N, C-alpha and C. Protein backbone atom coordinates (compact mmCIF):
# COMPACT_ATOMS: atom_id res chain seq x y z
N UNK A 1 0.83 -1.08 0.10
CA UNK A 1 0.05 -0.03 0.07
C UNK A 1 0.83 1.19 0.10
N UNK A 2 2.03 1.28 0.82
CA UNK A 2 2.86 2.46 0.87
C UNK A 2 3.51 2.64 -0.47
N UNK A 3 3.92 1.56 -1.21
CA UNK A 3 4.53 1.61 -2.27
C UNK A 3 3.68 2.37 -3.47
N UNK A 4 2.30 1.90 -3.39
CA UNK A 4 1.41 2.47 -4.30
C UNK A 4 1.30 3.92 -4.22
N UNK A 5 1.07 4.26 -2.83
CA UNK A 5 1.03 5.77 -2.51
C UNK A 5 2.31 6.47 -3.01
N UNK A 6 3.49 5.98 -2.77
CA UNK A 6 4.69 6.53 -3.26
C UNK A 6 4.74 6.77 -4.71
N UNK A 7 4.24 5.75 -5.36
CA UNK A 7 4.46 5.80 -6.98
C UNK A 7 3.37 6.92 -7.38
N UNK A 8 2.31 7.09 -6.68
CA UNK A 8 1.21 7.99 -7.03
C UNK A 8 1.68 9.57 -6.76
N UNK A 9 2.44 9.53 -5.78
CA UNK A 9 2.96 10.88 -5.31
C UNK A 9 4.02 11.24 -6.31
N UNK A 10 4.98 10.40 -6.68
CA UNK A 10 6.02 10.81 -7.79
C UNK A 10 5.41 11.06 -9.05
N UNK A 11 4.32 10.21 -9.43
CA UNK A 11 3.66 10.52 -10.75
C UNK A 11 2.98 11.88 -10.69
N UNK A 12 2.38 12.34 -9.61
CA UNK A 12 1.78 13.58 -9.43
C UNK A 12 2.81 14.70 -9.31
N UNK A 13 3.93 14.53 -8.85
CA UNK A 13 4.98 15.53 -8.87
C UNK A 13 5.42 15.66 -10.31
N UNK A 14 5.66 14.70 -11.04
CA UNK A 14 6.00 14.77 -12.32
C UNK A 14 5.07 15.52 -13.22
N UNK A 15 3.70 15.13 -13.09
CA UNK A 15 2.68 15.79 -13.81
C UNK A 15 2.75 17.30 -13.39
N UNK A 16 2.83 17.72 -12.11
CA UNK A 16 2.73 18.97 -11.68
C UNK A 16 3.94 19.75 -12.38
N UNK A 17 5.14 19.01 -12.24
CA UNK A 17 6.37 19.91 -12.79
C UNK A 17 6.08 20.05 -14.29
N UNK A 18 5.58 19.22 -14.98
CA UNK A 18 5.36 19.18 -16.48
C UNK A 18 4.46 20.48 -16.73
N UNK A 19 3.30 20.39 -15.82
CA UNK A 19 2.20 21.57 -16.12
C UNK A 19 2.96 23.01 -15.93
N UNK A 20 3.75 22.96 -14.85
CA UNK A 20 4.59 24.25 -14.48
C UNK A 20 5.29 24.67 -15.54
N UNK A 21 5.97 23.73 -16.15
CA UNK A 21 7.12 23.85 -17.19
C UNK A 21 6.60 24.48 -18.36
N UNK A 22 5.20 24.02 -18.69
CA UNK A 22 4.47 24.35 -19.82
C UNK A 22 4.09 25.86 -19.72
N UNK A 23 3.90 26.33 -18.50
CA UNK A 23 3.42 27.71 -18.26
C UNK A 23 4.59 28.70 -18.23
N UNK A 24 5.85 28.14 -18.13
CA UNK A 24 6.92 29.00 -18.03
C UNK A 24 7.23 29.71 -19.33
N UNK A 25 7.58 31.03 -19.36
CA UNK A 25 7.95 31.43 -20.77
C UNK A 25 9.21 30.95 -21.22
N UNK A 26 9.48 31.03 -22.37
CA UNK A 26 10.76 30.54 -23.02
C UNK A 26 11.91 31.60 -22.57
N UNK A 27 12.95 31.07 -22.56
CA UNK A 27 14.08 31.90 -22.29
C UNK A 27 14.46 32.86 -23.48
N UNK A 28 15.06 34.07 -22.95
CA UNK A 28 15.44 35.06 -23.92
C UNK A 28 16.22 34.54 -25.18
N UNK A 29 17.22 33.65 -25.05
CA UNK A 29 17.99 32.95 -26.00
C UNK A 29 16.91 32.15 -26.85
N UNK A 30 16.14 31.40 -26.27
CA UNK A 30 15.07 30.60 -27.05
C UNK A 30 14.24 31.49 -27.97
N UNK A 31 13.90 32.67 -27.40
CA UNK A 31 13.02 33.51 -28.16
C UNK A 31 13.84 34.14 -29.44
N UNK A 32 14.96 34.47 -29.20
CA UNK A 32 15.95 34.94 -30.32
C UNK A 32 16.24 33.82 -31.40
N UNK A 33 16.40 32.66 -30.79
CA UNK A 33 16.71 31.46 -31.61
C UNK A 33 15.51 31.30 -32.56
N UNK A 34 14.30 31.07 -31.95
CA UNK A 34 13.24 30.93 -32.82
C UNK A 34 13.07 31.98 -33.92
N UNK A 35 13.19 33.08 -33.39
CA UNK A 35 12.93 34.21 -34.34
C UNK A 35 13.94 34.19 -35.55
N UNK A 36 15.20 33.83 -35.15
CA UNK A 36 16.26 33.85 -36.13
C UNK A 36 15.87 32.79 -37.12
N UNK A 37 15.60 31.67 -36.74
CA UNK A 37 15.22 30.59 -37.64
C UNK A 37 14.01 30.96 -38.61
N UNK A 38 13.02 31.49 -38.13
CA UNK A 38 11.83 32.09 -38.99
C UNK A 38 12.59 33.08 -39.94
N UNK A 39 13.38 33.97 -39.51
CA UNK A 39 13.79 35.09 -40.37
C UNK A 39 14.56 34.51 -41.41
N UNK A 40 15.49 33.41 -40.87
CA UNK A 40 16.29 32.78 -42.08
C UNK A 40 15.30 32.28 -43.23
N UNK A 41 14.36 31.44 -42.86
CA UNK A 41 13.40 30.83 -43.68
C UNK A 41 12.57 31.76 -44.45
N UNK A 42 12.48 33.02 -44.10
CA UNK A 42 11.44 34.03 -44.64
C UNK A 42 12.20 35.30 -45.25
N UNK A 43 13.56 35.23 -45.16
CA UNK A 43 14.59 36.23 -45.74
C UNK A 43 14.09 37.48 -45.03
N UNK A 44 14.13 37.63 -43.63
CA UNK A 44 13.69 38.94 -43.02
C UNK A 44 14.66 39.15 -41.94
N UNK A 45 14.68 40.41 -41.30
CA UNK A 45 15.45 40.68 -40.05
C UNK A 45 14.62 40.47 -38.87
N UNK A 46 15.08 40.41 -37.78
CA UNK A 46 14.45 40.13 -36.45
C UNK A 46 14.35 41.43 -35.64
N UNK A 47 13.32 41.76 -35.15
CA UNK A 47 13.06 42.77 -34.18
C UNK A 47 12.58 42.29 -32.95
N UNK A 48 13.46 42.46 -31.73
CA UNK A 48 13.20 42.12 -30.50
C UNK A 48 12.76 43.31 -29.62
N UNK A 49 11.58 43.28 -29.20
CA UNK A 49 11.23 44.39 -28.30
C UNK A 49 11.08 43.83 -26.90
N UNK A 50 11.73 44.62 -26.02
CA UNK A 50 11.66 44.39 -24.55
C UNK A 50 10.58 45.23 -24.03
N UNK A 51 9.83 44.56 -23.26
CA UNK A 51 8.56 45.16 -22.78
C UNK A 51 8.08 44.66 -21.37
N UNK A 52 7.08 45.33 -20.84
CA UNK A 52 6.41 44.80 -19.50
C UNK A 52 4.96 45.10 -19.73
N UNK A 53 4.23 44.35 -18.92
CA UNK A 53 2.71 44.41 -18.86
C UNK A 53 2.38 45.69 -18.42
N UNK A 54 3.03 46.43 -17.51
CA UNK A 54 2.58 47.73 -17.03
C UNK A 54 2.98 49.03 -17.91
N UNK A 55 3.70 48.74 -19.00
CA UNK A 55 4.29 49.79 -19.72
C UNK A 55 3.38 50.25 -20.78
N UNK A 56 2.84 51.59 -20.59
CA UNK A 56 2.06 52.06 -21.60
C UNK A 56 2.74 52.30 -22.84
N UNK A 57 3.98 52.85 -22.88
CA UNK A 57 4.70 52.99 -24.14
C UNK A 57 4.83 51.84 -24.95
N UNK A 58 5.06 50.80 -24.29
CA UNK A 58 5.19 49.29 -24.95
C UNK A 58 3.83 49.02 -25.56
N UNK A 59 2.66 49.15 -24.89
CA UNK A 59 1.46 48.91 -25.61
C UNK A 59 1.21 49.91 -26.66
N UNK A 60 1.61 51.27 -26.56
CA UNK A 60 1.31 52.12 -27.74
C UNK A 60 2.30 51.65 -29.08
N UNK A 61 3.40 51.28 -28.66
CA UNK A 61 4.29 50.76 -29.85
C UNK A 61 3.65 49.34 -30.61
N UNK A 62 3.30 48.48 -29.73
CA UNK A 62 2.57 47.30 -30.27
C UNK A 62 1.23 47.77 -30.95
N UNK A 63 0.63 48.72 -30.44
CA UNK A 63 -0.63 49.15 -31.05
C UNK A 63 -0.57 49.73 -32.52
N UNK A 64 0.50 50.49 -32.62
CA UNK A 64 0.85 51.14 -33.72
C UNK A 64 1.42 50.22 -34.81
N UNK A 65 2.40 49.48 -34.33
CA UNK A 65 2.85 48.40 -35.37
C UNK A 65 1.90 47.45 -35.69
N UNK A 66 0.58 47.14 -34.94
CA UNK A 66 -0.30 46.18 -35.41
C UNK A 66 -1.49 46.96 -36.14
N UNK A 67 -1.45 48.27 -36.48
CA UNK A 67 -2.49 48.95 -37.09
C UNK A 67 -2.65 48.32 -38.58
N UNK A 68 -3.79 48.15 -39.05
CA UNK A 68 -4.01 47.49 -40.39
C UNK A 68 -3.14 47.97 -41.49
N UNK A 69 -2.76 49.19 -41.44
CA UNK A 69 -1.89 49.81 -42.51
C UNK A 69 -0.46 49.62 -42.23
N UNK A 70 -0.06 49.39 -41.00
CA UNK A 70 1.29 49.10 -40.71
C UNK A 70 1.68 47.66 -40.46
N UNK A 71 0.94 46.76 -39.89
CA UNK A 71 1.23 45.39 -39.68
C UNK A 71 1.68 44.65 -40.88
N UNK A 72 1.02 44.76 -42.09
CA UNK A 72 1.62 44.06 -43.09
C UNK A 72 3.06 44.53 -43.63
N UNK A 73 3.39 45.73 -43.42
CA UNK A 73 4.55 46.31 -43.74
C UNK A 73 5.73 45.64 -42.80
N UNK A 74 5.37 45.86 -41.49
CA UNK A 74 6.34 45.23 -40.56
C UNK A 74 6.56 43.53 -40.80
N UNK A 75 5.35 42.99 -41.07
CA UNK A 75 5.40 41.56 -41.21
C UNK A 75 6.23 41.11 -42.53
N UNK A 76 6.20 42.04 -43.42
CA UNK A 76 6.89 41.50 -44.59
C UNK A 76 8.40 41.75 -44.46
N UNK A 77 8.83 42.44 -43.49
CA UNK A 77 10.17 42.83 -43.38
C UNK A 77 10.97 42.23 -42.07
N UNK A 78 10.17 42.10 -40.96
CA UNK A 78 10.75 41.75 -39.73
C UNK A 78 10.04 40.61 -39.17
N UNK A 79 10.66 39.79 -38.50
CA UNK A 79 10.14 38.83 -37.67
C UNK A 79 10.23 39.54 -36.44
N UNK A 80 8.90 39.89 -35.81
CA UNK A 80 8.98 40.67 -34.46
C UNK A 80 8.63 39.73 -33.37
N UNK A 81 9.35 39.82 -32.25
CA UNK A 81 9.14 39.11 -31.20
C UNK A 81 9.24 39.86 -29.72
N UNK A 82 8.77 39.57 -28.62
CA UNK A 82 8.81 40.28 -27.56
C UNK A 82 9.54 39.46 -26.41
N UNK A 83 10.30 40.33 -25.42
CA UNK A 83 10.87 39.61 -24.40
C UNK A 83 10.48 40.49 -23.27
N UNK A 84 9.85 39.88 -22.16
CA UNK A 84 9.23 40.54 -21.05
C UNK A 84 10.28 40.66 -20.11
N UNK A 85 10.58 41.87 -19.50
CA UNK A 85 11.55 42.18 -18.52
C UNK A 85 10.86 43.26 -17.54
N UNK A 86 11.45 43.38 -16.41
CA UNK A 86 11.11 44.58 -15.43
C UNK A 86 9.74 44.59 -15.08
N UNK A 87 8.98 43.48 -14.78
CA UNK A 87 7.85 43.37 -14.06
C UNK A 87 7.95 43.75 -12.73
N UNK A 88 7.06 44.51 -12.17
CA UNK A 88 7.28 45.08 -10.84
C UNK A 88 6.60 44.33 -9.82
N UNK A 89 5.41 43.91 -10.23
CA UNK A 89 4.56 43.12 -9.10
C UNK A 89 5.23 41.71 -9.15
N UNK A 90 5.37 41.25 -7.90
CA UNK A 90 5.80 39.82 -7.70
C UNK A 90 5.06 38.78 -8.28
N UNK A 91 3.72 38.80 -8.50
CA UNK A 91 3.01 38.02 -9.09
C UNK A 91 2.98 37.73 -10.54
N UNK A 92 3.64 38.92 -11.12
CA UNK A 92 3.90 39.11 -12.40
C UNK A 92 5.39 38.65 -12.93
N UNK A 93 6.07 38.48 -12.00
CA UNK A 93 7.49 38.21 -12.31
C UNK A 93 7.51 36.80 -13.19
N UNK A 94 6.66 36.13 -12.90
CA UNK A 94 6.55 34.78 -13.81
C UNK A 94 6.48 34.90 -15.34
N UNK A 95 6.00 36.26 -15.59
CA UNK A 95 5.84 36.64 -17.19
C UNK A 95 7.19 36.88 -17.77
N UNK A 96 8.13 37.21 -16.82
CA UNK A 96 9.52 37.48 -17.55
C UNK A 96 10.16 36.36 -18.18
N UNK A 97 10.74 36.47 -19.34
CA UNK A 97 11.50 35.58 -20.04
C UNK A 97 12.84 35.57 -19.28
N UNK A 98 13.16 34.23 -18.95
CA UNK A 98 14.49 34.04 -18.06
C UNK A 98 15.60 34.58 -19.02
N UNK A 99 16.37 35.29 -18.39
CA UNK A 99 17.61 35.79 -19.03
C UNK A 99 17.31 37.01 -19.91
N UNK A 100 16.07 37.41 -19.89
CA UNK A 100 15.60 38.73 -20.50
C UNK A 100 16.46 40.01 -20.23
N UNK A 101 16.42 40.30 -18.93
CA UNK A 101 17.15 41.57 -18.54
C UNK A 101 18.65 41.44 -18.76
N UNK A 102 19.21 40.42 -18.67
CA UNK A 102 20.68 40.11 -18.96
C UNK A 102 20.97 40.36 -20.44
N UNK A 103 20.12 39.82 -21.29
CA UNK A 103 20.16 39.97 -22.80
C UNK A 103 19.99 41.42 -23.09
N UNK A 104 19.07 42.08 -22.50
CA UNK A 104 18.83 43.44 -22.68
C UNK A 104 20.11 44.16 -22.32
N UNK A 105 20.71 43.98 -21.26
CA UNK A 105 21.80 44.56 -20.51
C UNK A 105 23.19 44.35 -21.63
N UNK A 106 23.17 43.25 -22.37
CA UNK A 106 24.33 42.86 -23.13
C UNK A 106 24.31 43.76 -24.28
N UNK A 107 23.27 44.47 -24.61
CA UNK A 107 23.18 45.48 -25.77
C UNK A 107 22.92 46.86 -25.08
N UNK A 108 23.54 47.21 -23.98
CA UNK A 108 23.44 48.50 -23.48
C UNK A 108 22.06 49.08 -23.16
N UNK A 109 21.18 47.99 -22.81
CA UNK A 109 20.01 48.59 -22.46
C UNK A 109 19.52 48.79 -20.99
N UNK A 110 20.57 48.46 -20.02
CA UNK A 110 20.13 48.33 -18.64
C UNK A 110 19.67 49.69 -18.10
N UNK A 111 20.12 50.83 -18.66
CA UNK A 111 19.64 52.12 -18.09
C UNK A 111 18.81 52.87 -19.24
N UNK A 112 18.19 52.16 -20.16
CA UNK A 112 17.41 52.74 -21.13
C UNK A 112 15.96 52.91 -21.06
N UNK A 113 15.41 52.01 -20.19
CA UNK A 113 13.93 52.11 -20.11
C UNK A 113 13.41 51.11 -21.33
N UNK A 114 12.05 50.98 -21.08
CA UNK A 114 11.26 50.22 -22.05
C UNK A 114 10.14 50.93 -22.72
N UNK A 115 9.78 50.59 -23.87
CA UNK A 115 10.34 49.56 -24.85
C UNK A 115 11.72 49.94 -25.27
N UNK A 116 12.46 48.88 -25.03
CA UNK A 116 13.81 48.86 -25.84
C UNK A 116 13.97 47.85 -26.88
N UNK A 117 14.33 48.16 -28.10
CA UNK A 117 14.28 47.24 -29.22
C UNK A 117 15.65 47.07 -29.87
N UNK A 118 15.88 45.90 -30.34
CA UNK A 118 17.06 45.39 -31.16
C UNK A 118 16.75 45.16 -32.61
N UNK A 119 17.39 45.26 -33.64
CA UNK A 119 17.16 44.56 -34.79
C UNK A 119 18.39 43.96 -35.28
N UNK A 120 18.21 42.61 -35.57
CA UNK A 120 19.35 41.75 -35.82
C UNK A 120 19.14 41.13 -37.44
N UNK A 121 20.09 40.76 -37.88
CA UNK A 121 19.90 39.97 -39.26
C UNK A 121 19.71 38.59 -38.68
N UNK A 122 19.40 37.60 -39.86
CA UNK A 122 19.04 36.18 -39.41
C UNK A 122 20.22 35.57 -38.80
N UNK A 123 21.53 36.11 -39.04
CA UNK A 123 22.63 35.45 -38.39
C UNK A 123 22.97 35.74 -36.97
N UNK A 124 22.10 36.78 -36.51
CA UNK A 124 22.25 37.26 -35.12
C UNK A 124 23.19 38.37 -35.04
N UNK A 125 23.51 39.03 -36.04
CA UNK A 125 24.37 40.25 -36.11
C UNK A 125 23.50 41.48 -35.77
N UNK A 126 23.74 42.46 -34.80
CA UNK A 126 22.92 43.57 -34.52
C UNK A 126 23.16 44.53 -35.75
N UNK A 127 21.96 44.91 -36.07
CA UNK A 127 22.02 46.08 -37.09
C UNK A 127 21.42 47.36 -36.65
N UNK A 128 20.77 47.36 -35.67
CA UNK A 128 20.29 48.55 -35.05
C UNK A 128 19.65 48.44 -33.72
N UNK A 129 19.63 49.44 -32.94
CA UNK A 129 18.99 49.53 -31.50
C UNK A 129 18.20 50.80 -31.42
N UNK A 130 17.64 50.79 -30.33
CA UNK A 130 16.48 51.82 -30.14
C UNK A 130 17.38 53.12 -29.48
N UNK A 131 18.63 53.22 -29.38
CA UNK A 131 19.40 54.20 -28.93
C UNK A 131 19.70 55.17 -29.88
N UNK A 132 19.26 56.44 -29.73
CA UNK A 132 19.45 57.36 -30.83
C UNK A 132 20.58 58.46 -30.37
N UNK A 133 21.23 58.92 -31.24
CA UNK A 133 22.16 60.11 -30.74
C UNK A 133 21.45 61.20 -30.27
N UNK A 134 21.98 61.74 -29.37
CA UNK A 134 21.20 62.91 -28.65
C UNK A 134 22.56 63.62 -27.89
N UNK A 135 22.04 64.76 -27.06
CA UNK A 135 22.95 65.63 -26.34
C UNK A 135 22.54 65.64 -24.85
N UNK A 136 23.38 65.53 -24.02
CA UNK A 136 23.03 65.66 -22.53
C UNK A 136 22.96 67.14 -22.16
N UNK A 137 22.65 67.70 -20.99
CA UNK A 137 22.42 68.91 -20.59
C UNK A 137 23.71 69.88 -20.77
N UNK A 138 24.68 69.18 -20.80
CA UNK A 138 26.06 69.81 -21.10
C UNK A 138 26.62 69.99 -22.50
N UNK A 139 25.65 69.37 -23.39
CA UNK A 139 25.99 69.41 -24.83
C UNK A 139 26.88 68.17 -25.29
N UNK A 140 27.08 67.18 -24.29
CA UNK A 140 27.90 66.14 -24.70
C UNK A 140 27.10 65.11 -25.50
N UNK A 141 27.73 64.34 -26.34
CA UNK A 141 26.94 63.38 -27.28
C UNK A 141 26.68 62.23 -26.38
N UNK A 142 25.45 61.69 -26.36
CA UNK A 142 25.10 60.65 -25.68
C UNK A 142 24.01 59.83 -26.59
N UNK A 143 23.76 58.70 -26.09
CA UNK A 143 22.71 57.79 -26.83
C UNK A 143 21.43 57.59 -25.89
N UNK A 144 20.36 58.09 -26.29
CA UNK A 144 19.12 57.94 -25.40
C UNK A 144 18.24 57.07 -25.98
N UNK A 145 17.34 56.22 -25.35
CA UNK A 145 16.35 55.31 -25.86
C UNK A 145 15.23 56.14 -26.50
N UNK A 146 14.98 55.84 -27.88
CA UNK A 146 13.68 56.46 -28.45
C UNK A 146 12.49 55.57 -28.23
N UNK A 147 12.63 54.39 -27.76
CA UNK A 147 11.72 53.44 -27.18
C UNK A 147 10.52 53.31 -28.40
N UNK A 148 9.41 53.76 -28.02
CA UNK A 148 8.08 54.10 -28.91
C UNK A 148 8.32 55.44 -29.38
N UNK A 149 8.78 55.72 -30.60
CA UNK A 149 8.95 56.96 -31.02
C UNK A 149 7.75 57.77 -31.04
N UNK A 150 7.87 59.06 -30.50
CA UNK A 150 6.72 59.82 -30.39
C UNK A 150 7.00 61.35 -30.98
N UNK A 151 8.24 61.72 -30.51
CA UNK A 151 8.45 63.10 -30.97
C UNK A 151 9.11 63.14 -32.58
N UNK A 152 9.12 64.15 -33.17
CA UNK A 152 9.62 64.24 -34.62
C UNK A 152 10.92 63.75 -34.57
N UNK A 153 11.74 64.06 -33.74
CA UNK A 153 13.19 63.58 -33.74
C UNK A 153 13.27 62.13 -33.65
N UNK A 154 12.60 61.46 -32.70
CA UNK A 154 12.39 60.05 -32.33
C UNK A 154 12.06 59.31 -33.67
N UNK A 155 10.87 59.76 -34.25
CA UNK A 155 10.26 59.00 -35.42
C UNK A 155 11.19 59.33 -36.53
N UNK A 156 11.86 60.42 -36.78
CA UNK A 156 12.92 60.43 -37.90
C UNK A 156 14.09 59.40 -37.65
N UNK A 157 14.50 59.23 -36.48
CA UNK A 157 15.44 58.26 -36.15
C UNK A 157 15.02 56.81 -36.49
N UNK A 158 13.85 56.49 -36.11
CA UNK A 158 13.03 55.24 -36.35
C UNK A 158 12.97 55.04 -37.79
N UNK A 159 12.69 56.03 -38.50
CA UNK A 159 12.46 55.92 -39.99
C UNK A 159 13.92 55.64 -40.70
N UNK A 160 15.05 56.05 -40.05
CA UNK A 160 16.28 55.73 -40.54
C UNK A 160 16.65 54.19 -40.32
N UNK A 161 16.24 53.83 -39.23
CA UNK A 161 16.19 52.37 -38.77
C UNK A 161 15.54 51.47 -39.78
N UNK A 162 14.22 51.99 -40.18
CA UNK A 162 13.49 51.13 -41.10
C UNK A 162 14.21 51.02 -42.40
N UNK A 163 14.65 52.29 -42.98
CA UNK A 163 15.41 52.34 -44.23
C UNK A 163 16.70 51.53 -44.21
N UNK A 164 17.33 51.30 -43.16
CA UNK A 164 18.51 50.52 -42.91
C UNK A 164 18.21 48.97 -42.87
N UNK A 165 17.06 48.70 -42.23
CA UNK A 165 16.82 47.22 -41.85
C UNK A 165 15.63 46.63 -42.60
N UNK A 166 15.00 47.19 -43.43
CA UNK A 166 13.90 46.77 -44.20
C UNK A 166 13.96 47.05 -45.65
N UNK A 167 13.20 46.41 -46.49
CA UNK A 167 13.01 46.83 -47.92
C UNK A 167 11.81 47.74 -48.26
N UNK A 168 11.35 48.53 -47.27
CA UNK A 168 10.36 49.34 -47.31
C UNK A 168 10.70 50.48 -48.37
N UNK A 169 9.60 50.85 -49.08
CA UNK A 169 9.90 52.08 -50.02
C UNK A 169 9.68 53.37 -49.06
N UNK A 170 10.16 54.41 -49.58
CA UNK A 170 10.05 55.64 -48.81
C UNK A 170 8.76 55.90 -48.60
N UNK A 171 7.73 55.83 -49.40
CA UNK A 171 6.15 56.24 -49.15
C UNK A 171 5.79 55.32 -47.90
N UNK A 172 6.25 53.96 -47.88
CA UNK A 172 5.82 53.14 -46.84
C UNK A 172 6.31 53.41 -45.44
N UNK A 173 7.75 54.00 -45.55
CA UNK A 173 8.28 54.32 -44.26
C UNK A 173 7.66 55.69 -43.68
N UNK A 174 7.27 56.53 -44.77
CA UNK A 174 6.50 57.80 -44.30
C UNK A 174 5.23 57.52 -43.82
N UNK A 175 4.47 56.51 -44.23
CA UNK A 175 3.16 56.09 -43.72
C UNK A 175 3.32 55.75 -42.20
N UNK A 176 4.33 54.78 -42.02
CA UNK A 176 4.57 54.27 -40.72
C UNK A 176 4.95 55.57 -39.58
N UNK A 177 5.81 56.34 -40.23
CA UNK A 177 6.26 57.57 -39.56
C UNK A 177 4.97 58.35 -39.09
N UNK A 178 4.25 58.60 -39.95
CA UNK A 178 3.03 59.42 -39.77
C UNK A 178 2.14 58.73 -38.39
N UNK A 179 2.00 57.45 -38.59
CA UNK A 179 1.19 56.73 -37.55
C UNK A 179 1.80 56.85 -36.29
N UNK A 180 3.16 56.85 -36.09
CA UNK A 180 3.72 57.14 -34.90
C UNK A 180 3.65 58.52 -34.37
N UNK A 181 3.61 59.48 -35.36
CA UNK A 181 3.30 60.82 -34.80
C UNK A 181 1.89 61.29 -34.51
N UNK A 182 1.04 60.59 -34.82
CA UNK A 182 -0.44 60.62 -34.39
C UNK A 182 -0.61 60.73 -33.02
N UNK A 183 -1.41 61.53 -32.47
CA UNK A 183 -1.65 61.58 -31.01
C UNK A 183 -2.53 60.49 -30.51
N UNK A 184 -3.18 59.90 -31.44
CA UNK A 184 -4.34 58.67 -31.10
C UNK A 184 -3.52 57.40 -30.41
């Protein structure tokens, strides 16, 4: 009788562990690996966006990228995926991709805020990131996160990234830029 109970307990533990593992988000490395594989197959670049559930700017960026007039343009040129980082509430920490913050930090994102994005070619070489050239209060050259582009300067920077990392025609880039400048 004790052996049967022990076997059932072990089986229940394996089942519970399997269920928990299925609910865990993939690691940041796995997200990039999957996106790169798809990008190679579709001859596209990869855009990784670091975001969190609480981040209004992250939601705004996704909303604009997913607008009916923009989504096909992004989908034709980038394999876009997200890595969850910086969740504040303890109950939401489980949403974070393991290794996500470390991956973001690896590309100088540790003090940039979110959304923070990176664009890679299918080989995994960095083509662009959301750090745009700027000046600090003393006039020194710095790089600041444009995140979800909203100002004319940020949108112009994002347009240069699109020109560099996509096959979009200038009118398509201008359409996307216009959508980021809208106040809606």
